[in-house]
Amino acid sequence: LSPSSDCSFTCHYRCRALVRLDCSGPPGASDEDDGTEQALEKDTNVDEPSEWEKAELDQAQVEQRIKEYNSQINSNLFMSLNKDGSYTGFIKVQLKLVRPVSVPATKRVPSLQAGRPGPRTQGVKRRTSFYLPKGTVKHLHILSHTRASEVIDALLRKFTVIDNPRKFALFERSEKDEQVYLRKLADEEQPLRLRLLAGPSEKVLSFVLKENETGEVNWDAFTLPELHNFLRILQREEEEHLRQLRHRYARCRQKMQEAL
């Protein structure tokens, strides 16, 4: 086992190259921006789309919106109208995952930058868990009728993540009056359509992949090794909580005895 010099994290020495920690530096320095964002962020807890998102466009309006959209962007990520009336384009998704994701252990940890593939490693059928770096962003080229659930599947395939897609949810993020609002998209909603209606401004609309916090844990979505690991974590937390309680009462008892 190899402990980290910056925190209490410990991992197997063979796994050191697969783990990236952001705990170096003064306490709280690395999370300063995230803390500000967390303070401003507000989950509307409403799955119903806004009124402007319910707008139905005819073929002429779609064509006009695409022209306006393409004239406002400063990149080559254009939208294109197809002969059948559908259209294609790009969406950018920011991955803000708190928990680690799992990939096949026989594969290399996916790189965020394109490069030459490394040598194929030999291994048994196991899974490797790791944390995606903060600020991970991915562009996807999708169709106008591509659903939110299909976007989640595509993102997981990009990073060879083998976790159950139901563990994740796609959110729309918007900024208004110095407040950040989040709304979880329904599975059948079409992100590229929302992108066209909102225009290219990411303050008006952007997409974020987060854990699917439903309020109830779907334990059937986890594997047996994951469930056993959760039990071990709960046991350690319980033991630590009991240790802190005993220490607190021992100090109180000592102070009372000193006062007698």
Protein backbone atom coordinates (compact mmCIF):
# COMPACT_ATOMS: atom_id res chain seq x y z
CA LEU A 1 0.00 0.00 0.00
CA SER A 2 1.16 3.52 -0.81
CA PRO A 3 -0.17 6.48 1.25
CA SER A 4 -0.58 9.97 -0.20
CA SER A 5 1.64 12.73 1.23
CA ASP A 6 -1.19 15.31 1.04
CA CYS A 7 -4.11 13.45 2.62
CA SER A 8 -5.13 10.17 4.26
CA PHE A 9 -5.85 8.40 0.97
CA THR A 10 -4.08 5.03 0.57
CA CYS A 11 -4.03 2.79 -2.49
CA HIS A 12 -2.18 -0.22 -3.84
CA TYR A 13 1.23 0.69 -5.24
CA ARG A 14 0.31 -0.76 -8.66
CA CYS A 15 -2.70 1.56 -8.84
CA ARG A 16 -0.81 4.82 -8.22
CA ALA A 17 -0.53 5.60 -11.94
CA LEU A 18 -4.31 5.18 -12.36
CA VAL A 19 -5.30 7.57 -9.56
CA ARG A 20 -5.30 11.37 -9.71
CA LEU A 21 -5.85 13.37 -6.53
CA ASP A 22 -6.64 17.08 -6.24
CA CYS A 23 -5.83 17.38 -2.53
CA SER A 24 -2.44 19.12 -2.79
CA GLY A 25 -1.90 22.72 -1.73
CA PRO A 26 -3.42 24.72 1.13
CA PRO A 27 -6.70 23.33 2.51
CA GLY A 28 -9.64 24.59 0.52
CA ALA A 29 -7.52 26.30 -2.15
CA SER A 30 -8.25 23.82 -4.91
CA ASP A 31 -12.00 23.85 -4.22
CA GLU A 32 -12.40 27.62 -4.07
CA ASP A 33 -14.09 27.89 -7.45
CA ASP A 34 -16.27 24.85 -6.81
CA GLY A 35 -17.40 26.31 -3.49
CA THR A 36 -18.50 29.51 -5.20
CA GLU A 37 -20.37 27.54 -7.83
CA GLN A 38 -22.01 25.34 -5.19
CA ALA A 39 -23.21 28.43 -3.34
CA LEU A 40 -24.80 29.82 -6.49
CA GLU A 41 -26.16 26.56 -7.83
CA LYS A 42 -29.80 25.78 -7.26
CA ASP A 43 -31.54 22.62 -8.34
CA THR A 44 -35.04 23.67 -9.34
CA ASN A 45 -36.18 20.11 -8.55
CA VAL A 46 -38.68 20.55 -11.35
CA ASP A 47 -38.50 18.23 -14.34
CA GLU A 48 -41.00 20.27 -16.34
CA PRO A 49 -39.32 22.27 -19.14
CA SER A 50 -39.69 26.04 -19.38
CA GLU A 51 -42.26 27.61 -21.69
CA TRP A 52 -39.69 28.57 -24.34
CA GLU A 53 -38.49 24.95 -24.42
CA LYS A 54 -41.98 23.77 -25.42
CA ALA A 55 -42.01 25.82 -28.63
CA GLU A 56 -42.80 23.84 -31.78
CA LEU A 57 -40.97 24.98 -34.92
CA ASP A 58 -42.05 24.33 -38.49
CA GLN A 59 -39.54 23.54 -41.24
CA ALA A 60 -39.02 27.18 -42.23
CA GLN A 61 -38.47 28.25 -38.63
CA VAL A 62 -35.97 25.45 -38.06
CA GLU A 63 -34.02 26.49 -41.15
CA GLN A 64 -34.01 30.13 -40.00
CA ARG A 65 -32.93 29.22 -36.47
CA ILE A 66 -30.05 27.12 -37.82
CA LYS A 67 -28.84 30.03 -39.97
CA GLU A 68 -28.98 32.38 -36.97
CA TYR A 69 -27.22 29.84 -34.75
CA ASN A 70 -24.38 29.25 -37.23
CA SER A 71 -23.86 33.01 -37.68
CA GLN A 72 -23.33 33.46 -33.92
CA ILE A 73 -20.70 30.80 -33.19
CA ASN A 74 -16.95 31.30 -33.45
CA SER A 75 -16.03 27.69 -34.19
CA ASN A 76 -16.68 25.05 -36.81
CA LEU A 77 -19.28 23.26 -34.66
CA PHE A 78 -22.11 24.15 -37.01
CA MET A 79 -25.61 22.73 -37.25
CA SER A 80 -26.69 21.21 -40.57
CA LEU A 81 -30.20 20.72 -41.94
CA ASN A 82 -30.92 17.36 -43.55
CA LYS A 83 -33.25 16.69 -46.48
CA ASP A 84 -35.69 14.75 -44.29
CA GLY A 85 -36.22 17.81 -42.05
CA SER A 86 -34.00 16.61 -39.21
CA TYR A 87 -30.75 18.35 -38.35
CA THR A 88 -27.39 17.49 -36.84
CA GLY A 89 -25.07 19.48 -34.61
CA PHE A 90 -22.78 19.49 -31.61
CA ILE A 91 -23.51 19.77 -27.92
CA LYS A 92 -20.93 20.26 -25.18
CA VAL A 93 -21.41 18.33 -21.95
CA GLN A 94 -19.52 19.03 -18.75
CA LEU A 95 -19.01 16.00 -16.51
CA LYS A 96 -19.42 16.90 -12.83
CA LEU A 97 -19.26 13.53 -11.14
CA VAL A 98 -18.57 13.26 -7.42
CA ARG A 99 -18.19 9.49 -7.27
CA PRO A 100 -15.69 7.36 -9.23
CA VAL A 101 -16.65 5.57 -12.44
CA SER A 102 -15.79 2.00 -13.41
CA VAL A 103 -14.03 0.79 -16.56
CA PRO A 104 -12.94 -2.74 -17.55
CA ALA A 105 -9.66 -3.57 -15.84
CA THR A 106 -8.36 -5.10 -19.08
CA LYS A 107 -8.54 -1.67 -20.73
CA ARG A 108 -6.32 1.33 -20.16
CA VAL A 109 -7.85 4.25 -18.27
CA PRO A 110 -9.36 6.44 -21.04
CA SER A 111 -7.39 9.57 -21.82
CA LEU A 112 -9.10 12.93 -22.18
CA GLN A 113 -6.84 13.75 -25.10
CA ALA A 114 -6.70 11.80 -28.33
CA GLY A 115 -3.48 9.91 -28.80
CA ARG A 116 -1.97 6.73 -30.10
CA PRO A 117 -3.40 3.67 -28.37
CA GLY A 118 -1.04 1.92 -25.99
CA PRO A 119 -0.22 -1.77 -25.99
CA ARG A 120 -3.06 -4.12 -25.16
CA THR A 121 -2.70 -5.40 -21.63
CA GLN A 122 -3.39 -8.90 -20.45
CA GLY A 123 -5.76 -9.26 -17.55
CA VAL A 124 -8.75 -10.98 -16.04
CA LYS A 125 -12.30 -9.67 -16.28
CA ARG A 126 -12.34 -7.14 -13.48
CA ARG A 127 -13.22 -3.48 -13.19
CA THR A 128 -11.11 -0.47 -12.29
CA SER A 129 -12.60 2.60 -10.62
CA PHE A 130 -11.19 6.10 -10.94
CA TYR A 131 -12.27 9.73 -10.61
CA LEU A 132 -12.73 11.79 -13.75
CA PRO A 133 -10.68 15.01 -13.50
CA LYS A 134 -12.56 18.18 -12.62
CA GLY A 135 -13.73 20.23 -15.56
CA THR A 136 -13.91 17.29 -17.96
CA VAL A 137 -15.80 18.38 -21.10
CA LYS A 138 -16.88 16.34 -24.12
CA HIS A 139 -18.38 17.42 -27.46
CA LEU A 140 -20.90 15.09 -29.07
CA HIS A 141 -22.20 15.18 -32.64
CA ILE A 142 -25.85 14.16 -32.47
CA LEU A 143 -29.14 14.27 -34.36
CA SER A 144 -32.10 16.50 -33.57
CA HIS A 145 -34.09 13.47 -32.42
CA THR A 146 -31.31 12.06 -30.19
CA ARG A 147 -32.75 11.65 -26.70
CA ALA A 148 -31.12 12.58 -23.39
CA SER A 149 -30.82 8.91 -22.42
CA GLU A 150 -28.92 8.24 -25.66
CA VAL A 151 -26.56 11.14 -24.92
CA ILE A 152 -25.77 9.55 -21.53
CA ASP A 153 -25.08 6.20 -23.22
CA ALA A 154 -22.80 7.87 -25.77
CA LEU A 155 -20.81 9.67 -23.06
CA LEU A 156 -20.31 6.45 -21.11
CA ARG A 157 -19.12 4.68 -24.28
CA LYS A 158 -16.64 7.52 -24.97
CA PHE A 159 -14.94 6.83 -21.64
CA THR A 160 -15.59 3.02 -21.72
CA VAL A 161 -17.56 3.37 -18.47
CA ILE A 162 -19.39 0.15 -17.60
CA ASP A 163 -21.56 1.53 -14.78
CA ASN A 164 -25.32 1.33 -15.17
CA PRO A 165 -26.52 4.38 -17.19
CA ARG A 166 -29.37 4.81 -14.70
CA LYS A 167 -26.78 5.98 -12.19
CA PHE A 168 -26.38 9.18 -14.23
CA ALA A 169 -28.63 12.01 -15.36
CA LEU A 170 -28.28 14.82 -17.90
CA PHE A 171 -29.04 18.29 -16.56
CA GLU A 172 -29.59 21.60 -18.27
CA ARG A 173 -27.81 24.48 -16.60
CA SER A 174 -28.76 28.15 -16.95
CA GLU A 175 -27.65 31.42 -15.35
CA LYS A 176 -30.04 34.20 -14.42
CA ASP A 177 -29.68 37.10 -11.98
CA GLU A 178 -26.37 35.74 -10.64
CA GLN A 179 -28.09 32.45 -9.86
CA VAL A 180 -27.36 29.07 -11.43
CA TYR A 181 -30.35 26.83 -12.09
CA LEU A 182 -30.30 23.11 -12.84
CA ARG A 183 -33.08 20.99 -14.30
CA LYS A 184 -32.89 17.25 -14.88
CA LEU A 185 -33.85 16.32 -18.42
CA ALA A 186 -36.36 13.57 -18.99
CA ASP A 187 -35.08 10.55 -20.93
CA GLU A 188 -37.07 11.45 -24.05
CA GLU A 189 -36.05 15.13 -24.23
CA GLN A 190 -33.88 16.15 -27.19
CA PRO A 191 -30.76 18.13 -26.18
CA LEU A 192 -29.93 19.38 -29.70
CA ARG A 193 -33.43 20.79 -30.06
CA LEU A 194 -32.98 22.65 -26.76
CA ARG A 195 -29.60 23.90 -27.98
CA LEU A 196 -31.20 25.29 -31.15
CA LEU A 197 -34.02 27.00 -29.23
CA ALA A 198 -31.62 28.54 -26.70
CA GLY A 199 -28.94 29.60 -29.16
CA PRO A 200 -25.20 29.14 -28.64
CA SER A 201 -24.92 31.08 -25.35
CA GLU A 202 -23.87 28.77 -22.53
CA LYS A 203 -25.23 31.20 -19.94
CA VAL A 204 -28.68 30.65 -21.37
CA LEU A 205 -28.22 26.87 -21.63
CA SER A 206 -25.48 24.32 -21.09
CA PHE A 207 -25.47 20.60 -20.35
CA VAL A 208 -24.04 18.81 -17.31
CA LEU A 209 -23.75 15.10 -16.55
CA LYS A 210 -24.17 14.35 -12.86
CA GLU A 211 -25.11 11.48 -10.61
CA ASN A 212 -28.79 10.63 -10.73
CA GLU A 213 -29.94 11.71 -7.28
CA THR A 214 -33.47 10.38 -7.08
CA GLY A 215 -33.72 10.41 -3.29
CA GLU A 216 -33.89 6.62 -3.27
CA VAL A 217 -30.91 4.38 -3.91
CA ASN A 218 -31.43 1.75 -6.59
CA TRP A 219 -29.31 -0.96 -4.99
CA ASP A 220 -30.06 -3.37 -7.85
CA ALA A 221 -27.93 -1.18 -10.13
CA PHE A 222 -24.76 -2.05 -8.15
CA THR A 223 -22.62 -5.16 -8.41
CA LEU A 224 -21.90 -7.44 -5.45
CA PRO A 225 -18.31 -6.15 -5.03
CA GLU A 226 -19.64 -2.58 -4.94
CA LEU A 227 -22.26 -3.48 -2.33
CA HIS A 228 -19.65 -5.22 -0.16
CA ASN A 229 -17.45 -2.15 -0.47
CA PHE A 230 -20.34 0.11 0.63
CA LEU A 231 -20.85 -2.09 3.70
CA ARG A 232 -17.16 -1.80 4.59
CA ILE A 233 -17.30 1.98 4.20
CA LEU A 234 -20.41 2.20 6.41
CA GLN A 235 -18.72 0.05 9.05
CA ARG A 236 -15.63 2.30 9.05
CA GLU A 237 -17.82 5.42 9.31
CA GLU A 238 -19.74 3.88 12.19
CA GLU A 239 -16.53 2.94 14.01
CA GLU A 240 -15.11 6.44 13.49
CA HIS A 241 -18.32 8.04 14.75
CA LEU A 242 -18.26 5.84 17.88
CA ARG A 243 -14.60 6.69 18.45
CA GLN A 244 -15.35 10.41 18.29
CA LEU A 245 -18.28 10.04 20.70
CA ARG A 246 -16.20 8.08 23.21
CA HIS A 247 -13.42 10.67 22.96
CA ARG A 248 -15.88 13.54 23.52
CA TYR A 249 -17.44 11.92 26.59
CA ALA A 250 -14.02 10.99 27.97
CA ARG A 251 -12.95 14.65 27.77
CA CYS A 252 -16.17 15.79 29.45
CA ARG A 253 -15.65 13.22 32.23
CA GLN A 254 -12.05 14.35 32.70
CA LYS A 255 -13.06 18.04 32.97
CA MET A 256 -15.77 17.24 35.53
CA GLN A 257 -13.31 15.21 37.61
CA GLU A 258 -10.82 18.08 37.47
CA ALA A 259 -13.52 20.47 38.66
CA LEU A 260 -14.38 18.30 41.70
